[in-house]
N, C-alpha and C. Protein backbone atom coordinates (compact mmCIF):
# COMPACT_ATOMS: atom_id res chain seq x y z
N MET A 1 47.70 -86.87 56.97
CA MET A 1 46.80 -85.72 57.00
C MET A 1 45.50 -86.12 57.73
N LEU A 2 45.07 -85.29 58.65
CA LEU A 2 43.83 -85.57 59.37
C LEU A 2 42.63 -85.43 58.44
N LYS A 3 41.60 -86.21 58.72
CA LYS A 3 40.39 -86.15 57.91
C LYS A 3 39.67 -84.82 58.14
N PRO A 4 38.91 -84.35 57.15
CA PRO A 4 38.13 -83.12 57.33
C PRO A 4 37.12 -83.29 58.46
N LEU A 5 36.85 -82.19 59.14
CA LEU A 5 35.86 -82.22 60.20
C LEU A 5 34.48 -82.58 59.64
N THR A 6 33.76 -83.37 60.39
CA THR A 6 32.36 -83.66 60.12
C THR A 6 31.57 -83.23 61.36
N GLN A 7 30.25 -83.26 61.27
CA GLN A 7 29.46 -82.92 62.44
C GLN A 7 29.81 -83.84 63.62
N ARG A 8 30.05 -85.09 63.31
CA ARG A 8 30.37 -86.07 64.36
C ARG A 8 31.72 -85.78 65.01
N SER A 9 32.75 -85.55 64.18
CA SER A 9 34.08 -85.29 64.76
C SER A 9 34.14 -83.92 65.43
N LEU A 10 33.33 -82.98 64.95
CA LEU A 10 33.25 -81.67 65.62
C LEU A 10 32.74 -81.83 67.05
N LEU A 11 31.69 -82.61 67.23
CA LEU A 11 31.14 -82.82 68.57
C LEU A 11 32.13 -83.56 69.47
N ARG A 12 32.83 -84.54 68.90
CA ARG A 12 33.82 -85.28 69.68
C ARG A 12 34.96 -84.35 70.12
N ALA A 13 35.42 -83.51 69.20
CA ALA A 13 36.50 -82.59 69.52
C ALA A 13 36.05 -81.53 70.52
N THR A 14 34.80 -81.09 70.41
CA THR A 14 34.26 -80.12 71.36
C THR A 14 34.27 -80.69 72.77
N ARG A 15 33.86 -81.94 72.90
CA ARG A 15 33.90 -82.58 74.22
C ARG A 15 35.33 -82.69 74.74
N ASP A 16 36.26 -83.02 73.87
CA ASP A 16 37.66 -83.15 74.26
C ASP A 16 38.20 -81.80 74.75
N LEU A 17 37.94 -80.74 74.00
CA LEU A 17 38.43 -79.42 74.39
C LEU A 17 37.79 -78.94 75.68
N ALA A 18 36.49 -79.20 75.84
CA ALA A 18 35.80 -78.79 77.07
C ALA A 18 36.37 -79.51 78.28
N ALA A 19 36.77 -80.76 78.09
CA ALA A 19 37.36 -81.51 79.20
C ALA A 19 38.74 -80.98 79.56
N ARG A 20 39.43 -80.41 78.58
CA ARG A 20 40.79 -79.92 78.80
C ARG A 20 40.83 -78.47 79.26
N ASP A 21 39.83 -77.67 78.90
CA ASP A 21 39.87 -76.23 79.15
C ASP A 21 38.55 -75.78 79.80
N PRO A 22 38.56 -75.42 81.08
CA PRO A 22 37.33 -75.02 81.76
C PRO A 22 36.66 -73.80 81.14
N ASP A 23 37.45 -72.89 80.56
CA ASP A 23 36.87 -71.69 79.95
C ASP A 23 36.07 -72.05 78.70
N LEU A 24 36.61 -72.94 77.89
CA LEU A 24 35.85 -73.39 76.73
C LEU A 24 34.64 -74.21 77.17
N ALA A 25 34.80 -74.96 78.25
CA ALA A 25 33.67 -75.74 78.78
C ALA A 25 32.53 -74.81 79.19
N ASP A 26 32.86 -73.66 79.78
CA ASP A 26 31.83 -72.70 80.18
C ASP A 26 31.05 -72.20 78.97
N VAL A 27 31.78 -71.96 77.86
CA VAL A 27 31.11 -71.50 76.63
C VAL A 27 30.16 -72.57 76.11
N VAL A 28 30.64 -73.80 76.07
CA VAL A 28 29.81 -74.89 75.56
C VAL A 28 28.61 -75.11 76.46
N ASP A 29 28.81 -75.02 77.78
CA ASP A 29 27.69 -75.18 78.71
C ASP A 29 26.64 -74.09 78.50
N ALA A 30 27.10 -72.87 78.23
CA ALA A 30 26.18 -71.74 78.11
C ALA A 30 25.47 -71.70 76.76
N TYR A 31 26.18 -72.05 75.70
CA TYR A 31 25.63 -71.84 74.35
C TYR A 31 25.52 -73.10 73.50
N GLY A 32 25.99 -74.22 74.02
CA GLY A 32 25.93 -75.45 73.27
C GLY A 32 27.13 -75.60 72.35
N PRO A 33 27.25 -76.74 71.67
CA PRO A 33 28.35 -76.96 70.73
C PRO A 33 28.27 -75.96 69.59
N PRO A 34 29.41 -75.61 68.99
CA PRO A 34 29.40 -74.64 67.89
C PRO A 34 28.90 -75.27 66.59
N PRO A 35 28.42 -74.46 65.66
CA PRO A 35 28.08 -74.99 64.33
C PRO A 35 29.33 -75.43 63.57
N LEU A 36 29.16 -76.28 62.59
CA LEU A 36 30.27 -76.68 61.73
C LEU A 36 30.68 -75.54 60.80
N TRP A 37 29.69 -74.73 60.39
CA TRP A 37 29.94 -73.62 59.48
C TRP A 37 30.71 -74.05 58.23
N ALA A 38 30.28 -75.13 57.62
CA ALA A 38 30.94 -75.61 56.41
C ALA A 38 30.49 -74.78 55.21
N ARG A 39 31.41 -74.52 54.30
CA ARG A 39 31.11 -73.80 53.07
C ARG A 39 31.47 -74.66 51.87
N GLU A 40 30.81 -74.37 50.76
CA GLU A 40 31.10 -75.11 49.53
C GLU A 40 32.47 -74.73 48.97
N PRO A 41 33.18 -75.69 48.39
CA PRO A 41 34.45 -75.36 47.75
C PRO A 41 34.22 -74.60 46.45
N GLY A 42 35.21 -73.84 46.04
CA GLY A 42 35.14 -73.20 44.73
C GLY A 42 35.41 -71.72 44.72
N PHE A 43 35.47 -71.19 43.51
CA PHE A 43 35.76 -69.78 43.28
C PHE A 43 34.77 -68.87 43.98
N HIS A 44 33.47 -69.22 43.93
CA HIS A 44 32.45 -68.34 44.50
C HIS A 44 32.65 -68.15 46.00
N THR A 45 33.04 -69.20 46.69
CA THR A 45 33.26 -69.08 48.13
C THR A 45 34.52 -68.27 48.43
N LEU A 46 35.55 -68.47 47.64
CA LEU A 46 36.79 -67.72 47.87
C LEU A 46 36.56 -66.23 47.61
N ILE A 47 35.76 -65.89 46.60
CA ILE A 47 35.41 -64.49 46.37
C ILE A 47 34.63 -63.93 47.56
N HIS A 48 33.73 -64.72 48.09
CA HIS A 48 32.96 -64.29 49.27
C HIS A 48 33.89 -64.00 50.44
N ILE A 49 34.89 -64.84 50.66
CA ILE A 49 35.84 -64.63 51.74
C ILE A 49 36.67 -63.38 51.49
N VAL A 50 37.06 -63.14 50.24
CA VAL A 50 37.77 -61.89 49.90
C VAL A 50 36.91 -60.68 50.26
N LEU A 51 35.61 -60.76 49.96
CA LEU A 51 34.71 -59.66 50.31
C LEU A 51 34.63 -59.46 51.82
N GLU A 52 34.85 -60.51 52.59
CA GLU A 52 34.77 -60.41 54.05
C GLU A 52 36.01 -59.79 54.67
N GLN A 53 37.06 -59.59 53.89
CA GLN A 53 38.28 -59.00 54.43
C GLN A 53 38.00 -57.60 54.98
N GLN A 54 38.23 -57.44 56.29
CA GLN A 54 38.21 -56.13 56.97
C GLN A 54 36.85 -55.42 56.90
N VAL A 55 35.76 -56.16 56.71
CA VAL A 55 34.42 -55.57 56.78
C VAL A 55 33.54 -56.52 57.58
N SER A 56 32.33 -56.08 57.92
CA SER A 56 31.42 -56.94 58.66
C SER A 56 30.92 -58.07 57.77
N LEU A 57 30.55 -59.17 58.40
CA LEU A 57 30.01 -60.30 57.65
C LEU A 57 28.73 -59.91 56.92
N ALA A 58 27.93 -59.05 57.56
CA ALA A 58 26.66 -58.65 56.94
C ALA A 58 26.89 -57.85 55.66
N SER A 59 27.82 -56.90 55.69
CA SER A 59 28.06 -56.10 54.49
C SER A 59 28.70 -56.93 53.38
N ALA A 60 29.55 -57.87 53.76
CA ALA A 60 30.15 -58.76 52.77
C ALA A 60 29.09 -59.65 52.13
N LYS A 61 28.18 -60.16 52.95
CA LYS A 61 27.10 -61.01 52.42
C LYS A 61 26.19 -60.21 51.48
N ALA A 62 25.91 -58.96 51.82
CA ALA A 62 25.08 -58.13 50.95
C ALA A 62 25.77 -57.90 49.60
N ALA A 63 27.08 -57.62 49.63
CA ALA A 63 27.82 -57.42 48.39
C ALA A 63 27.87 -58.71 47.57
N TYR A 64 28.08 -59.84 48.26
CA TYR A 64 28.12 -61.14 47.57
C TYR A 64 26.78 -61.44 46.92
N ASP A 65 25.69 -61.19 47.62
CA ASP A 65 24.36 -61.45 47.06
C ASP A 65 24.10 -60.59 45.83
N ARG A 66 24.56 -59.34 45.87
CA ARG A 66 24.39 -58.46 44.70
C ARG A 66 25.24 -58.96 43.54
N LEU A 67 26.42 -59.48 43.85
CA LEU A 67 27.29 -60.02 42.81
C LEU A 67 26.64 -61.23 42.14
N VAL A 68 26.09 -62.13 42.93
CA VAL A 68 25.42 -63.31 42.38
C VAL A 68 24.22 -62.90 41.54
N ALA A 69 23.47 -61.90 42.01
CA ALA A 69 22.31 -61.42 41.25
C ALA A 69 22.74 -60.83 39.91
N ALA A 70 23.92 -60.22 39.88
CA ALA A 70 24.41 -59.59 38.65
C ALA A 70 25.01 -60.59 37.67
N THR A 71 25.51 -61.72 38.19
CA THR A 71 26.25 -62.65 37.34
C THR A 71 25.49 -63.94 37.07
N GLY A 72 24.50 -64.26 37.89
CA GLY A 72 23.90 -65.59 37.79
C GLY A 72 24.86 -66.59 38.39
N ARG A 73 25.34 -67.51 37.61
CA ARG A 73 26.34 -68.48 38.10
C ARG A 73 27.69 -67.79 38.22
N LEU A 74 28.22 -67.77 39.43
CA LEU A 74 29.46 -67.04 39.67
C LEU A 74 30.66 -67.92 39.35
N ALA A 75 31.27 -67.68 38.20
CA ALA A 75 32.43 -68.44 37.74
C ALA A 75 33.52 -67.46 37.33
N PRO A 76 34.79 -67.90 37.31
CA PRO A 76 35.89 -66.99 36.98
C PRO A 76 35.70 -66.26 35.66
N GLU A 77 35.31 -66.99 34.61
CA GLU A 77 35.18 -66.35 33.30
C GLU A 77 34.05 -65.31 33.29
N ARG A 78 32.99 -65.57 34.02
CA ARG A 78 31.89 -64.60 34.11
C ARG A 78 32.31 -63.39 34.92
N PHE A 79 33.05 -63.61 35.99
CA PHE A 79 33.52 -62.50 36.82
C PHE A 79 34.36 -61.53 36.00
N LEU A 80 35.21 -62.07 35.14
CA LEU A 80 36.12 -61.22 34.36
C LEU A 80 35.40 -60.37 33.31
N THR A 81 34.14 -60.68 33.03
CA THR A 81 33.40 -59.87 32.06
C THR A 81 32.80 -58.61 32.70
N LEU A 82 32.79 -58.55 34.03
CA LEU A 82 32.21 -57.40 34.72
C LEU A 82 33.17 -56.22 34.67
N THR A 83 32.65 -55.04 34.44
CA THR A 83 33.47 -53.83 34.41
C THR A 83 33.77 -53.37 35.84
N ASP A 84 34.75 -52.46 35.95
CA ASP A 84 35.05 -51.88 37.26
C ASP A 84 33.82 -51.20 37.85
N ALA A 85 33.06 -50.53 37.00
CA ALA A 85 31.87 -49.83 37.48
C ALA A 85 30.82 -50.81 37.99
N GLU A 86 30.66 -51.92 37.30
CA GLU A 86 29.69 -52.92 37.76
C GLU A 86 30.11 -53.54 39.08
N LEU A 87 31.39 -53.80 39.24
CA LEU A 87 31.88 -54.37 40.49
C LEU A 87 31.78 -53.35 41.64
N LYS A 88 32.05 -52.10 41.32
CA LYS A 88 31.91 -51.05 42.34
C LYS A 88 30.46 -50.95 42.80
N ALA A 89 29.54 -51.10 41.87
CA ALA A 89 28.11 -50.98 42.18
C ALA A 89 27.64 -52.08 43.13
N VAL A 90 28.25 -53.26 43.05
CA VAL A 90 27.82 -54.33 43.95
C VAL A 90 28.57 -54.31 45.28
N GLY A 91 29.65 -53.50 45.36
CA GLY A 91 30.32 -53.34 46.64
C GLY A 91 31.80 -53.67 46.67
N PHE A 92 32.42 -53.83 45.51
CA PHE A 92 33.86 -54.10 45.46
C PHE A 92 34.63 -52.78 45.52
N SER A 93 35.62 -52.72 46.40
CA SER A 93 36.56 -51.62 46.38
C SER A 93 37.50 -51.81 45.18
N ARG A 94 38.27 -50.78 44.87
CA ARG A 94 39.24 -50.90 43.77
C ARG A 94 40.23 -52.04 44.05
N GLN A 95 40.66 -52.14 45.32
CA GLN A 95 41.62 -53.17 45.69
C GLN A 95 41.02 -54.57 45.56
N LYS A 96 39.79 -54.74 46.04
CA LYS A 96 39.16 -56.06 45.96
C LYS A 96 38.78 -56.42 44.53
N THR A 97 38.51 -55.42 43.69
CA THR A 97 38.30 -55.68 42.27
C THR A 97 39.56 -56.30 41.66
N ALA A 98 40.71 -55.71 42.01
CA ALA A 98 41.98 -56.24 41.50
C ALA A 98 42.23 -57.65 42.02
N TYR A 99 41.93 -57.86 43.29
CA TYR A 99 42.12 -59.19 43.87
C TYR A 99 41.21 -60.22 43.18
N GLY A 100 39.96 -59.85 42.97
CA GLY A 100 39.01 -60.76 42.33
C GLY A 100 39.44 -61.12 40.92
N ARG A 101 39.89 -60.12 40.18
CA ARG A 101 40.34 -60.38 38.81
C ARG A 101 41.58 -61.28 38.81
N GLY A 102 42.49 -61.00 39.72
CA GLY A 102 43.70 -61.83 39.79
C GLY A 102 43.40 -63.27 40.16
N LEU A 103 42.46 -63.45 41.07
CA LEU A 103 42.06 -64.79 41.48
C LEU A 103 41.39 -65.53 40.32
N ALA A 104 40.47 -64.85 39.66
CA ALA A 104 39.79 -65.48 38.53
C ALA A 104 40.78 -65.90 37.44
N GLN A 105 41.74 -65.01 37.14
CA GLN A 105 42.72 -65.31 36.10
C GLN A 105 43.64 -66.46 36.51
N ALA A 106 44.01 -66.50 37.81
CA ALA A 106 44.88 -67.57 38.29
C ALA A 106 44.20 -68.93 38.16
N ILE A 107 42.89 -68.97 38.39
CA ILE A 107 42.16 -70.23 38.25
C ILE A 107 42.04 -70.62 36.77
N LEU A 108 41.74 -69.65 35.92
CA LEU A 108 41.61 -69.94 34.48
C LEU A 108 42.94 -70.35 33.87
N ASP A 109 44.05 -69.76 34.36
CA ASP A 109 45.38 -70.09 33.85
C ASP A 109 45.89 -71.43 34.37
N GLY A 110 45.23 -71.95 35.41
CA GLY A 110 45.69 -73.20 36.00
C GLY A 110 46.75 -73.00 37.06
N ARG A 111 47.05 -71.74 37.41
CA ARG A 111 48.03 -71.50 38.46
C ARG A 111 47.49 -71.85 39.84
N LEU A 112 46.17 -71.82 39.98
CA LEU A 112 45.52 -72.22 41.23
C LEU A 112 44.42 -73.21 40.91
N ASP A 113 44.59 -74.43 41.39
CA ASP A 113 43.58 -75.49 41.21
C ASP A 113 42.95 -75.74 42.57
N LEU A 114 41.76 -75.20 42.78
CA LEU A 114 41.12 -75.32 44.09
C LEU A 114 40.80 -76.77 44.43
N ALA A 115 40.47 -77.57 43.43
CA ALA A 115 40.16 -78.98 43.69
C ALA A 115 41.39 -79.74 44.18
N ASP A 116 42.56 -79.29 43.77
CA ASP A 116 43.81 -79.96 44.14
C ASP A 116 44.18 -79.73 45.61
N LEU A 117 43.59 -78.71 46.23
CA LEU A 117 43.95 -78.39 47.62
C LEU A 117 43.64 -79.54 48.57
N ASP A 118 42.64 -80.35 48.23
CA ASP A 118 42.27 -81.49 49.07
C ASP A 118 43.42 -82.48 49.23
N THR A 119 44.34 -82.50 48.26
CA THR A 119 45.43 -83.47 48.29
C THR A 119 46.65 -82.96 49.04
N LEU A 120 46.62 -81.71 49.47
CA LEU A 120 47.77 -81.08 50.10
C LEU A 120 47.60 -81.01 51.61
N ASP A 121 48.72 -80.98 52.34
CA ASP A 121 48.62 -80.76 53.78
C ASP A 121 48.34 -79.27 54.04
N ASP A 122 48.11 -78.92 55.29
CA ASP A 122 47.69 -77.56 55.62
C ASP A 122 48.69 -76.51 55.12
N ALA A 123 49.96 -76.73 55.39
CA ALA A 123 50.98 -75.75 55.02
C ALA A 123 51.07 -75.60 53.50
N GLN A 124 51.02 -76.72 52.79
CA GLN A 124 51.10 -76.67 51.34
C GLN A 124 49.87 -75.97 50.75
N ALA A 125 48.69 -76.29 51.27
CA ALA A 125 47.46 -75.67 50.77
C ALA A 125 47.47 -74.16 51.03
N LYS A 126 47.97 -73.77 52.19
CA LYS A 126 48.02 -72.34 52.50
C LYS A 126 49.01 -71.62 51.59
N ARG A 127 50.16 -72.24 51.33
CA ARG A 127 51.13 -71.64 50.42
C ARG A 127 50.56 -71.49 49.02
N ARG A 128 49.82 -72.51 48.57
CA ARG A 128 49.23 -72.46 47.24
C ARG A 128 48.22 -71.30 47.14
N LEU A 129 47.40 -71.15 48.15
CA LEU A 129 46.41 -70.07 48.14
C LEU A 129 47.07 -68.69 48.21
N THR A 130 48.02 -68.55 49.10
CA THR A 130 48.63 -67.23 49.30
C THR A 130 49.61 -66.85 48.19
N SER A 131 49.82 -67.76 47.25
CA SER A 131 50.65 -67.40 46.09
C SER A 131 49.91 -66.45 45.15
N VAL A 132 48.59 -66.34 45.34
CA VAL A 132 47.77 -65.43 44.53
C VAL A 132 47.63 -64.11 45.26
N LYS A 133 47.93 -63.01 44.59
CA LYS A 133 47.84 -61.69 45.22
C LYS A 133 46.42 -61.44 45.70
N GLY A 134 46.32 -60.96 46.93
CA GLY A 134 45.01 -60.69 47.52
C GLY A 134 44.51 -61.80 48.41
N ILE A 135 45.14 -62.99 48.30
CA ILE A 135 44.81 -64.09 49.19
C ILE A 135 45.88 -64.13 50.27
N GLY A 136 45.61 -63.44 51.37
CA GLY A 136 46.56 -63.40 52.47
C GLY A 136 46.35 -64.53 53.45
N SER A 137 47.06 -64.46 54.56
CA SER A 137 47.02 -65.52 55.55
C SER A 137 45.61 -65.74 56.10
N TRP A 138 44.90 -64.64 56.41
CA TRP A 138 43.55 -64.79 56.99
C TRP A 138 42.60 -65.45 56.00
N THR A 139 42.61 -64.99 54.76
CA THR A 139 41.71 -65.54 53.74
C THR A 139 41.99 -67.02 53.53
N ALA A 140 43.27 -67.37 53.45
CA ALA A 140 43.63 -68.79 53.28
C ALA A 140 43.19 -69.61 54.48
N ASP A 141 43.40 -69.08 55.68
CA ASP A 141 43.00 -69.81 56.89
C ASP A 141 41.49 -70.08 56.91
N ILE A 142 40.70 -69.08 56.55
CA ILE A 142 39.25 -69.26 56.56
C ILE A 142 38.83 -70.31 55.52
N TYR A 143 39.49 -70.31 54.36
CA TYR A 143 39.18 -71.32 53.34
C TYR A 143 39.53 -72.71 53.86
N LEU A 144 40.70 -72.85 54.48
CA LEU A 144 41.09 -74.15 55.02
C LEU A 144 40.13 -74.59 56.12
N LEU A 145 39.73 -73.65 56.97
CA LEU A 145 38.93 -73.99 58.14
C LEU A 145 37.50 -74.33 57.77
N MET A 146 36.88 -73.53 56.90
CA MET A 146 35.45 -73.69 56.63
C MET A 146 35.15 -74.50 55.37
N VAL A 147 36.02 -74.44 54.39
CA VAL A 147 35.77 -75.16 53.13
C VAL A 147 36.44 -76.53 53.15
N LEU A 148 37.74 -76.55 53.41
CA LEU A 148 38.44 -77.84 53.48
C LEU A 148 38.20 -78.53 54.82
N ARG A 149 37.69 -77.78 55.78
CA ARG A 149 37.35 -78.27 57.11
C ARG A 149 38.53 -78.97 57.79
N ARG A 150 39.70 -78.32 57.68
CA ARG A 150 40.88 -78.84 58.35
C ARG A 150 40.72 -78.65 59.87
N PRO A 151 41.01 -79.67 60.66
CA PRO A 151 40.71 -79.61 62.09
C PRO A 151 41.64 -78.74 62.93
N ASP A 152 42.83 -78.41 62.40
CA ASP A 152 43.79 -77.70 63.24
C ASP A 152 44.19 -76.34 62.66
N THR A 153 43.43 -75.82 61.73
CA THR A 153 43.70 -74.48 61.21
C THR A 153 43.34 -73.45 62.27
N TRP A 154 44.19 -72.45 62.43
CA TRP A 154 44.01 -71.46 63.49
C TRP A 154 44.22 -70.06 62.91
N PRO A 155 43.15 -69.32 62.63
CA PRO A 155 43.27 -68.00 62.00
C PRO A 155 43.63 -66.91 63.01
N SER A 156 44.88 -66.85 63.38
CA SER A 156 45.32 -65.97 64.47
C SER A 156 45.20 -64.48 64.13
N GLY A 157 44.93 -64.16 62.87
CA GLY A 157 44.73 -62.76 62.50
C GLY A 157 43.28 -62.33 62.52
N ASP A 158 42.38 -63.17 63.01
CA ASP A 158 40.95 -62.86 62.98
C ASP A 158 40.57 -62.00 64.19
N LEU A 159 39.95 -60.85 63.93
CA LEU A 159 39.63 -59.91 65.01
C LEU A 159 38.53 -60.43 65.93
N ALA A 160 37.51 -61.07 65.37
CA ALA A 160 36.45 -61.62 66.21
C ALA A 160 37.00 -62.71 67.13
N LEU A 161 37.91 -63.51 66.61
CA LEU A 161 38.53 -64.56 67.41
C LEU A 161 39.32 -63.95 68.56
N ALA A 162 40.06 -62.87 68.28
CA ALA A 162 40.84 -62.20 69.32
C ALA A 162 39.93 -61.60 70.39
N THR A 163 38.82 -60.99 69.96
CA THR A 163 37.88 -60.39 70.91
C THR A 163 37.27 -61.46 71.81
N ALA A 164 36.87 -62.58 71.21
CA ALA A 164 36.28 -63.67 71.99
C ALA A 164 37.31 -64.26 72.95
N ALA A 165 38.54 -64.45 72.48
CA ALA A 165 39.58 -65.02 73.34
C ALA A 165 39.86 -64.11 74.53
N GLN A 166 39.85 -62.80 74.30
CA GLN A 166 40.07 -61.86 75.39
C GLN A 166 39.02 -62.05 76.48
N ARG A 167 37.76 -62.16 76.07
CA ARG A 167 36.67 -62.30 77.04
C ARG A 167 36.67 -63.68 77.72
N VAL A 168 36.79 -64.71 76.90
CA VAL A 168 36.69 -66.07 77.44
C VAL A 168 37.87 -66.38 78.37
N LYS A 169 39.06 -65.89 78.01
CA LYS A 169 40.25 -66.15 78.82
C LYS A 169 40.53 -65.03 79.83
N ARG A 170 39.63 -64.03 79.85
CA ARG A 170 39.73 -62.91 80.80
C ARG A 170 41.09 -62.23 80.74
N LEU A 171 41.49 -61.85 79.54
CA LEU A 171 42.76 -61.16 79.33
C LEU A 171 42.55 -59.65 79.49
N ARG A 172 43.55 -58.97 79.94
CA ARG A 172 43.44 -57.52 80.14
C ARG A 172 43.36 -56.78 78.82
N ARG A 173 44.02 -57.30 77.80
CA ARG A 173 44.02 -56.66 76.48
C ARG A 173 43.65 -57.68 75.41
N LYS A 174 43.16 -57.15 74.30
CA LYS A 174 42.89 -58.03 73.16
C LYS A 174 44.22 -58.62 72.68
N PRO A 175 44.31 -59.92 72.53
CA PRO A 175 45.59 -60.52 72.15
C PRO A 175 45.99 -60.16 70.72
N THR A 176 47.28 -59.93 70.55
CA THR A 176 47.84 -59.73 69.21
C THR A 176 47.81 -61.07 68.48
N PRO A 177 47.97 -61.06 67.15
CA PRO A 177 48.05 -62.35 66.45
C PRO A 177 49.13 -63.28 67.01
N GLU A 178 50.24 -62.71 67.45
CA GLU A 178 51.32 -63.53 68.02
C GLU A 178 50.88 -64.17 69.34
N ARG A 179 50.20 -63.36 70.18
CA ARG A 179 49.70 -63.90 71.45
C ARG A 179 48.61 -64.94 71.19
N LEU A 180 47.77 -64.67 70.23
CA LEU A 180 46.70 -65.61 69.91
C LEU A 180 47.28 -66.92 69.38
N GLU A 181 48.35 -66.83 68.63
CA GLU A 181 49.02 -68.03 68.14
C GLU A 181 49.48 -68.88 69.32
N GLY A 182 50.04 -68.21 70.33
CA GLY A 182 50.49 -68.93 71.52
C GLY A 182 49.35 -69.56 72.29
N LEU A 183 48.24 -68.83 72.42
CA LEU A 183 47.07 -69.37 73.12
C LEU A 183 46.55 -70.63 72.42
N GLY A 184 46.59 -70.60 71.10
CA GLY A 184 46.06 -71.72 70.33
C GLY A 184 46.83 -73.01 70.51
N ASP A 185 48.10 -72.90 70.93
CA ASP A 185 48.91 -74.11 71.08
C ASP A 185 48.28 -75.11 72.05
N ALA A 186 47.57 -74.60 73.06
CA ALA A 186 46.97 -75.49 74.06
C ALA A 186 45.82 -76.31 73.49
N TRP A 187 45.31 -75.91 72.32
CA TRP A 187 44.12 -76.56 71.77
C TRP A 187 44.43 -77.46 70.58
N ARG A 188 45.71 -77.67 70.28
CA ARG A 188 46.06 -78.64 69.24
C ARG A 188 45.59 -80.03 69.65
N PRO A 189 45.21 -80.90 68.75
CA PRO A 189 45.15 -80.76 67.29
C PRO A 189 43.76 -80.31 66.81
N TRP A 190 43.04 -79.59 67.68
CA TRP A 190 41.66 -79.19 67.36
C TRP A 190 41.51 -77.67 67.38
N ARG A 191 42.51 -76.95 66.92
CA ARG A 191 42.42 -75.48 66.99
C ARG A 191 41.27 -74.92 66.16
N ALA A 192 40.93 -75.58 65.06
CA ALA A 192 39.80 -75.11 64.25
C ALA A 192 38.48 -75.27 65.00
N VAL A 193 38.41 -76.26 65.88
CA VAL A 193 37.22 -76.44 66.71
C VAL A 193 37.19 -75.40 67.82
N ALA A 194 38.36 -75.12 68.41
CA ALA A 194 38.44 -74.05 69.41
C ALA A 194 38.02 -72.71 68.79
N ALA A 195 38.43 -72.48 67.56
CA ALA A 195 38.02 -71.24 66.87
C ALA A 195 36.52 -71.19 66.73
N ARG A 196 35.90 -72.30 66.38
CA ARG A 196 34.44 -72.33 66.24
C ARG A 196 33.75 -72.07 67.59
N ILE A 197 34.30 -72.63 68.66
CA ILE A 197 33.73 -72.39 69.98
C ILE A 197 33.81 -70.91 70.34
N LEU A 198 34.95 -70.29 70.06
CA LEU A 198 35.12 -68.87 70.37
C LEU A 198 34.23 -67.99 69.49
N TRP A 199 34.12 -68.32 68.22
CA TRP A 199 33.20 -67.57 67.34
C TRP A 199 31.75 -67.75 67.79
N HIS A 200 31.42 -68.94 68.23
CA HIS A 200 30.08 -69.22 68.73
C HIS A 200 29.77 -68.32 69.93
N TYR A 201 30.74 -68.18 70.81
CA TYR A 201 30.61 -67.25 71.94
C TYR A 201 30.43 -65.81 71.44
N TYR A 202 31.28 -65.42 70.50
CA TYR A 202 31.25 -64.04 69.98
C TYR A 202 29.88 -63.70 69.40
N LEU A 203 29.29 -64.63 68.69
CA LEU A 203 27.99 -64.39 68.05
C LEU A 203 26.83 -64.56 69.02
N SER A 204 27.03 -65.32 70.08
CA SER A 204 25.95 -65.60 71.02
C SER A 204 25.88 -64.60 72.16
N ALA A 205 26.96 -63.89 72.42
CA ALA A 205 26.99 -62.93 73.52
C ALA A 205 27.45 -61.57 73.03
N PRO A 206 26.75 -60.98 72.04
CA PRO A 206 27.24 -59.76 71.38
C PRO A 206 27.39 -58.56 72.29
N ARG A 207 26.56 -58.46 73.32
CA ARG A 207 26.60 -57.26 74.16
C ARG A 207 27.78 -57.25 75.12
N ARG A 208 28.53 -58.31 75.13
CA ARG A 208 29.69 -58.38 76.04
C ARG A 208 30.98 -58.10 75.31
N HIS A 209 30.93 -57.58 74.08
CA HIS A 209 32.14 -57.47 73.27
C HIS A 209 32.84 -56.13 73.38
N ALA A 210 32.30 -55.19 74.09
CA ALA A 210 32.98 -53.89 74.21
C ALA A 210 34.30 -54.07 74.94
N SER A 211 35.37 -53.48 74.38
CA SER A 211 36.69 -53.61 75.01
C SER A 211 36.84 -52.64 76.15
């Protein structure tokens, strides 16, 4: 199993990818190396990622901040004490309320041990996460990429990644997840670094994102 990305290995991988791919090199030249974007492990971060499903990062962050303000320390047992009305008030949809409760219960029951994910390879860790209802492929990929800092995780279902890839690779259409999966093959074993470079572009050049 490859070691988790660090700031040092991120920079080394960025240089490697830029040497191999002129389009990624152009992004790095224009905007600099991407951030590591590391997140803390645990239930609170996974809930935050669930909130990010299919909404803007800003609205998810606002809902997460309201949740933390309502709960204090965000832990599974505390989350389960919140009523549907309280969760709705902070920004949870009915579906995400169900997902959050299921996740909290899975952790309390021992069906999901987040600390144990460090001992698993990428495929095993992803299977363990997606065994919980509401934790789909995208959510698991983001946890692996940003929390476990796996160097070759590739979230091919991410819309911002697809938009950035379309622009950077000058594609006529936004790539489907299947096409994006194929594009990512050229960036192994550093696909998680390529994702960071593309997200860095997406966030640094917002006015160029119209399709």
